[in-house]
Amino acid sequence: MREFTHMVSVENGLHARPAGALANCAKRFKSSIKIKTQAKEADAKRLLSVMSLGATRGTELHFIIEGEDENEAEKALSDFCAEHLA
């Protein structure tokens, strides 16, 4: 199991476009990928689930990745967050 945390710092938060891109990134991997906030949990591979988090600027996202390609998934998702949500 791999875990990392990322603070959303973009002005518009995790709205439809970046949520869709995040879900598409997650779908490339076989591992189970969950995102938790203080109040909710989402399946990172499902757009509506990710959008239901309601992550705005300042929301801390905690990623939990389990599976055969978890190391690669962690790297890809961490890079995605740094590029699109920072």
C-alpha atoms as a PDB file:
ATOM      1  CA  MET A   1       0.000   0.000   0.000  1.00  0.00           C
ATOM      2  CA  ARG A   2       1.229   3.467  -0.929  1.00  0.00           C
ATOM      3  CA  GLU A   3      -0.112   6.756   0.424  1.00  0.00           C
ATOM      4  CA  PHE A   4       0.501  10.430  -0.145  1.00  0.00           C
ATOM      5  CA  THR A   5      -1.220  13.710   0.629  1.00  0.00           C
ATOM      6  CA  HIS A   6      -1.676  16.775  -1.551  1.00  0.00           C
ATOM      7  CA  MET A   7      -3.152  20.168  -0.680  1.00  0.00           C
ATOM      8  CA  VAL A   8      -5.323  21.643  -3.454  1.00  0.00           C
ATOM      9  CA  SER A   9      -4.019  25.139  -4.069  1.00  0.00           C
ATOM     10  CA  VAL A  10      -5.499  26.068  -7.455  1.00  0.00           C
ATOM     11  CA  GLU A  11      -8.063  28.853  -7.328  1.00  0.00           C
ATOM     12  CA  ASN A  12     -11.016  26.862  -8.721  1.00  0.00           C
ATOM     13  CA  GLY A  13     -10.357  23.669  -6.764  1.00  0.00           C
ATOM     14  CA  LEU A  14     -11.001  20.232  -8.186  1.00  0.00           C
ATOM     15  CA  HIS A  15     -13.718  21.182 -10.696  1.00  0.00           C
ATOM     16  CA  ALA A  16     -14.912  19.077 -13.659  1.00  0.00           C
ATOM     17  CA  ARG A  17     -11.932  19.383 -16.011  1.00  0.00           C
ATOM     18  CA  PRO A  18      -9.136  18.501 -13.548  1.00  0.00           C
ATOM     19  CA  ALA A  19     -11.361  15.886 -11.866  1.00  0.00           C
ATOM     20  CA  GLY A  20     -11.855  14.209 -15.243  1.00  0.00           C
ATOM     21  CA  ALA A  21      -8.149  14.324 -15.996  1.00  0.00           C
ATOM     22  CA  LEU A  22      -7.383  12.868 -12.552  1.00  0.00           C
ATOM     23  CA  ALA A  23      -9.879  10.038 -13.076  1.00  0.00           C
ATOM     24  CA  ASN A  24      -8.378   9.296 -16.500  1.00  0.00           C
ATOM     25  CA  CYS A  25      -4.902   9.195 -14.986  1.00  0.00           C
ATOM     26  CA  ALA A  26      -6.086   6.795 -12.264  1.00  0.00           C
ATOM     27  CA  LYS A  27      -7.860   4.532 -14.772  1.00  0.00           C
ATOM     28  CA  ARG A  28      -4.526   3.641 -16.383  1.00  0.00           C
ATOM     29  CA  PHE A  29      -3.634   1.509 -13.363  1.00  0.00           C
ATOM     30  CA  LYS A  30      -4.918  -1.811 -12.057  1.00  0.00           C
ATOM     31  CA  SER A  31      -4.456  -0.779  -8.423  1.00  0.00           C
ATOM     32  CA  SER A  32      -7.329   0.372  -6.237  1.00  0.00           C
ATOM     33  CA  ILE A  33      -7.038   4.148  -5.793  1.00  0.00           C
ATOM     34  CA  LYS A  34      -9.042   5.989  -3.148  1.00  0.00           C
ATOM     35  CA  ILE A  35      -9.029   9.676  -2.308  1.00  0.00           C
ATOM     36  CA  LYS A  36     -10.080  10.826   1.159  1.00  0.00           C
ATOM     37  CA  THR A  37     -10.836  14.270   2.487  1.00  0.00           C
ATOM     38  CA  GLN A  38     -11.779  15.094   6.041  1.00  0.00           C
ATOM     39  CA  ALA A  39     -15.428  14.309   5.313  1.00  0.00           C
ATOM     40  CA  LYS A  40     -15.624  12.039   2.260  1.00  0.00           C
ATOM     41  CA  GLU A  41     -13.996   9.216   0.337  1.00  0.00           C
ATOM     42  CA  ALA A  42     -13.965   8.711  -3.440  1.00  0.00           C
ATOM     43  CA  ASP A  43     -12.924   6.135  -6.014  1.00  0.00           C
ATOM     44  CA  ALA A  44     -10.294   8.021  -8.018  1.00  0.00           C
ATOM     45  CA  LYS A  45     -11.243   6.156 -11.196  1.00  0.00           C
ATOM     46  CA  ARG A  46     -14.804   7.525 -11.226  1.00  0.00           C
ATOM     47  CA  LEU A  47     -15.323  11.130 -12.301  1.00  0.00           C
ATOM     48  CA  LEU A  48     -18.551  11.701 -10.375  1.00  0.00           C
ATOM     49  CA  SER A  49     -17.047  10.152  -7.268  1.00  0.00           C
ATOM     50  CA  VAL A  50     -14.045  12.515  -7.467  1.00  0.00           C
ATOM     51  CA  MET A  51     -16.297  15.525  -8.085  1.00  0.00           C
ATOM     52  CA  SER A  52     -18.480  14.549  -5.102  1.00  0.00           C
ATOM     53  CA  LEU A  53     -15.527  15.336  -2.826  1.00  0.00           C
ATOM     54  CA  GLY A  54     -16.204  19.027  -3.409  1.00  0.00           C
ATOM     55  CA  ALA A  55     -12.485  19.741  -3.044  1.00  0.00           C
ATOM     56  CA  THR A  56     -11.892  23.483  -3.051  1.00  0.00           C
ATOM     57  CA  ARG A  57      -8.725  25.473  -2.594  1.00  0.00           C
ATOM     58  CA  GLY A  58      -7.142  24.430   0.709  1.00  0.00           C
ATOM     59  CA  THR A  59      -8.655  20.913   0.761  1.00  0.00           C
ATOM     60  CA  GLU A  60      -6.199  18.182   1.703  1.00  0.00           C
ATOM     61  CA  LEU A  61      -6.475  15.084  -0.496  1.00  0.00           C
ATOM     62  CA  HIS A  62      -5.168  11.822   0.954  1.00  0.00           C
ATOM     63  CA  PHE A  63      -4.481   9.176  -1.711  1.00  0.00           C
ATOM     64  CA  ILE A  64      -4.452   5.471  -0.813  1.00  0.00           C
ATOM     65  CA  ILE A  65      -3.183   3.140  -3.524  1.00  0.00           C
ATOM     66  CA  GLU A  66      -3.175  -0.662  -3.284  1.00  0.00           C
ATOM     67  CA  GLY A  67      -2.289  -3.162  -5.975  1.00  0.00           C
ATOM     68  CA  GLU A  68       0.288  -4.608  -8.293  1.00  0.00           C
ATOM     69  CA  ASP A  69       1.257  -1.298  -9.925  1.00  0.00           C
ATOM     70  CA  GLU A  70       0.918   0.922  -6.851  1.00  0.00           C
ATOM     71  CA  ASN A  71       4.415   2.426  -7.129  1.00  0.00           C
ATOM     72  CA  GLU A  72       3.840   3.569 -10.703  1.00  0.00           C
ATOM     73  CA  ALA A  73       0.356   4.847  -9.828  1.00  0.00           C
ATOM     74  CA  GLU A  74       1.679   6.834  -6.873  1.00  0.00           C
ATOM     75  CA  LYS A  75       4.324   8.491  -9.055  1.00  0.00           C
ATOM     76  CA  ALA A  76       1.854   9.328 -11.846  1.00  0.00           C
ATOM     77  CA  LEU A  77      -0.807  10.708  -9.483  1.00  0.00           C
ATOM     78  CA  SER A  78       1.711  12.658  -7.433  1.00  0.00           C
ATOM     79  CA  ASP A  79       3.094  14.207 -10.625  1.00  0.00           C
ATOM     80  CA  PHE A  80      -0.460  14.966 -11.801  1.00  0.00           C
ATOM     81  CA  CYS A  81      -1.287  16.755  -8.539  1.00  0.00           C
ATOM     82  CA  ALA A  82       1.925  18.765  -8.624  1.00  0.00           C
ATOM     83  CA  GLU A  83       1.251  19.859 -12.195  1.00  0.00           C
ATOM     84  CA  HIS A  84      -2.524  20.454 -12.143  1.00  0.00           C
ATOM     85  CA  LEU A  85      -3.606  21.029  -8.542  1.00  0.00           C
ATOM     86  CA  ALA A  86      -0.753  23.127  -7.165  1.00  0.00           C
END
